[in-house]
Amino acid sequence: MIVWVNSAFGSGKTTLVDELRPRWPEALVYDPEMVGYVLRALVDPAYAGEIFSALKDAGIDVHHFFLKVPREVLEKRIDGRSFTPDNPEQDERVRRWCKDRIEPCMAAADTLPSDTVVLDGELAPQELADQVLVRVRAGGPSGA
């Protein structure tokens, strides 16, 4: 089984996963910010559909979750992060790069597979984790 959580930078993906880890210790976590260059094309609906279809055809259960967060909240969260604390100029470039990706990611939300579970990314991490675990453990609708 794969539980796929995606959204824009600053939406709370890492915070959600940090909340899930102690509650689901047997799960392996792959952070998209670590392998983001490989996975970033998944905002392209055709490519996302191809990947999810291939996983489904291989018999792999995929639960796809998307954290929906308003643009202004994303920008505030990104502004509150420190990416390279020892290099303010680089920090600002990274912040700008993250903000430049908000719009494509938000637009992709409208083209997600129909069985993607859209979560309110402004909820507390505990509430989001509850929602994910209920779906996954109940064998609720699996993604793409």
Protein backbone atom coordinates (compact mmCIF):
# COMPACT_ATOMS: atom_id res chain seq x y z
CA MET A 1 0.00 0.00 0.00
CA ILE A 2 1.12 3.53 -0.75
CA VAL A 3 -0.27 6.56 1.04
CA TRP A 4 0.58 9.56 -1.09
CA VAL A 5 0.31 13.03 0.45
CA ASN A 6 0.95 15.98 -1.80
CA SER A 7 0.35 19.69 -2.11
CA ALA A 8 2.26 22.94 -2.34
CA PHE A 9 5.28 23.86 -0.23
CA GLY A 10 4.08 25.05 3.16
CA SER A 11 0.83 23.08 3.09
CA GLY A 12 1.75 20.88 6.03
CA LYS A 13 2.77 17.60 4.36
CA THR A 14 5.82 17.08 6.59
CA THR A 15 3.88 18.14 9.69
CA LEU A 16 1.13 15.63 8.86
CA VAL A 17 3.65 12.84 8.32
CA ASP A 18 5.42 13.74 11.58
CA GLU A 19 2.05 13.29 13.30
CA LEU A 20 1.44 9.96 11.52
CA ARG A 21 4.84 8.39 12.33
CA PRO A 22 4.28 7.53 16.01
CA ARG A 23 0.71 6.48 15.28
CA TRP A 24 1.71 4.25 12.37
CA PRO A 25 5.26 3.11 13.17
CA GLU A 26 5.38 0.34 10.56
CA ALA A 27 4.98 2.87 7.72
CA LEU A 28 8.05 3.84 5.71
CA VAL A 29 8.26 7.52 4.85
CA TYR A 30 9.72 9.03 1.70
CA ASP A 31 9.82 12.80 1.97
CA PRO A 32 8.99 14.48 -1.35
CA GLU A 33 11.33 17.34 -0.50
CA MET A 34 14.14 14.79 -0.48
CA VAL A 35 13.14 13.19 -3.77
CA GLY A 36 11.13 16.12 -5.07
CA TYR A 37 12.88 16.41 -8.39
CA VAL A 38 11.71 12.92 -9.26
CA LEU A 39 8.15 13.38 -8.02
CA ARG A 40 7.50 17.02 -8.88
CA ALA A 41 6.05 16.13 -12.27
CA LEU A 42 3.05 14.67 -10.46
CA VAL A 43 1.33 18.02 -10.68
CA ASP A 44 1.06 17.20 -14.40
CA PRO A 45 -2.32 15.39 -14.55
CA ALA A 46 -1.35 13.11 -17.44
CA TYR A 47 1.84 12.01 -15.72
CA ALA A 48 0.11 11.56 -12.36
CA GLY A 49 -2.56 9.44 -14.02
CA GLU A 50 0.10 7.32 -15.70
CA ILE A 51 1.94 6.70 -12.41
CA PHE A 52 -1.19 5.96 -10.38
CA SER A 53 -2.60 3.68 -13.11
CA ALA A 54 0.66 1.72 -13.27
CA LEU A 55 0.65 1.27 -9.50
CA LYS A 56 -2.98 0.14 -9.57
CA ASP A 57 -2.27 -2.27 -12.45
CA ALA A 58 0.57 -3.72 -10.37
CA GLY A 59 -1.93 -4.45 -7.60
CA ILE A 60 -0.63 -1.75 -5.28
CA ASP A 61 -3.25 0.02 -3.21
CA VAL A 62 -2.74 3.78 -3.46
CA HIS A 63 -4.44 6.23 -1.13
CA HIS A 64 -3.91 9.71 -2.54
CA PHE A 65 -4.40 12.72 -0.26
CA PHE A 66 -4.09 16.38 -1.20
CA LEU A 67 -3.80 19.13 1.41
CA LYS A 68 -5.77 22.16 0.26
CA VAL A 69 -4.53 25.41 1.79
CA PRO A 70 -5.30 29.00 0.72
CA ARG A 71 -2.51 30.82 -1.09
CA GLU A 72 -2.09 33.47 1.62
CA VAL A 73 -1.64 30.78 4.28
CA LEU A 74 0.95 28.99 2.13
CA GLU A 75 2.87 32.23 1.62
CA LYS A 76 2.81 32.98 5.35
CA ARG A 77 4.07 29.49 6.18
CA ILE A 78 6.84 29.71 3.59
CA ASP A 79 7.86 33.13 4.93
CA GLY A 80 8.07 31.61 8.41
CA ARG A 81 10.51 28.89 7.35
CA SER A 82 14.27 29.09 7.34
CA PHE A 83 15.80 27.04 4.56
CA THR A 84 19.43 28.20 4.75
CA PRO A 85 19.81 30.22 7.98
CA ASP A 86 23.49 30.99 7.37
CA ASN A 87 22.81 32.45 3.93
CA PRO A 88 19.95 35.00 3.89
CA GLU A 89 20.24 35.63 0.13
CA GLN A 90 19.95 31.92 -0.64
CA ASP A 91 17.15 31.65 1.89
CA GLU A 92 15.20 34.31 0.02
CA ARG A 93 15.83 32.60 -3.35
CA VAL A 94 14.51 29.32 -1.98
CA ARG A 95 11.50 31.08 -0.49
CA ARG A 96 10.75 32.73 -3.85
CA TRP A 97 11.17 29.39 -5.66
CA CYS A 98 8.66 27.76 -3.28
CA LYS A 99 6.18 30.61 -3.74
CA ASP A 100 6.54 30.41 -7.52
CA ARG A 101 5.29 26.83 -7.35
CA ILE A 102 2.13 27.62 -5.40
CA GLU A 103 0.03 28.53 -8.43
CA PRO A 104 0.82 25.41 -10.52
CA CYS A 105 0.18 23.22 -7.51
CA MET A 106 -3.13 24.94 -6.72
CA ALA A 107 -4.17 24.63 -10.37
CA ALA A 108 -3.29 20.92 -10.30
CA ALA A 109 -5.78 20.44 -7.47
CA ASP A 110 -8.57 20.86 -10.02
CA THR A 111 -7.18 18.04 -12.16
CA LEU A 112 -6.47 15.43 -9.48
CA PRO A 113 -7.87 11.94 -10.00
CA SER A 114 -11.50 11.76 -8.89
CA ASP A 115 -10.76 9.47 -5.97
CA THR A 116 -8.13 11.77 -4.46
CA VAL A 117 -9.11 12.69 -0.91
CA VAL A 118 -8.82 16.46 -0.49
CA LEU A 119 -8.09 17.43 3.11
CA ASP A 120 -8.40 20.85 4.71
CA GLY A 121 -4.74 21.72 5.28
CA GLU A 122 -5.70 24.32 7.86
CA LEU A 123 -6.88 21.63 10.29
CA ALA A 124 -4.63 20.62 13.17
CA PRO A 125 -2.11 17.90 12.27
CA GLN A 126 -3.80 15.53 14.72
CA GLU A 127 -7.14 15.92 12.93
CA LEU A 128 -5.53 15.37 9.54
CA ALA A 129 -3.73 12.26 10.78
CA ASP A 130 -7.03 10.94 12.16
CA GLN A 131 -8.66 11.39 8.75
CA VAL A 132 -5.80 9.67 6.91
CA LEU A 133 -5.68 6.73 9.31
CA VAL A 134 -9.45 6.21 9.22
CA ARG A 135 -9.40 6.04 5.41
CA VAL A 136 -6.33 3.85 5.16
CA ARG A 137 -7.23 1.42 7.93
CA ALA A 138 -10.83 1.11 6.78
CA GLY A 139 -9.70 0.40 3.25
CA GLY A 140 -11.66 3.44 2.12
CA PRO A 141 -11.49 4.68 -1.44
CA SER A 142 -8.01 4.12 -2.72
CA GLY A 143 -6.49 6.76 -4.90
CA ALA A 144 -5.95 7.09 -8.60
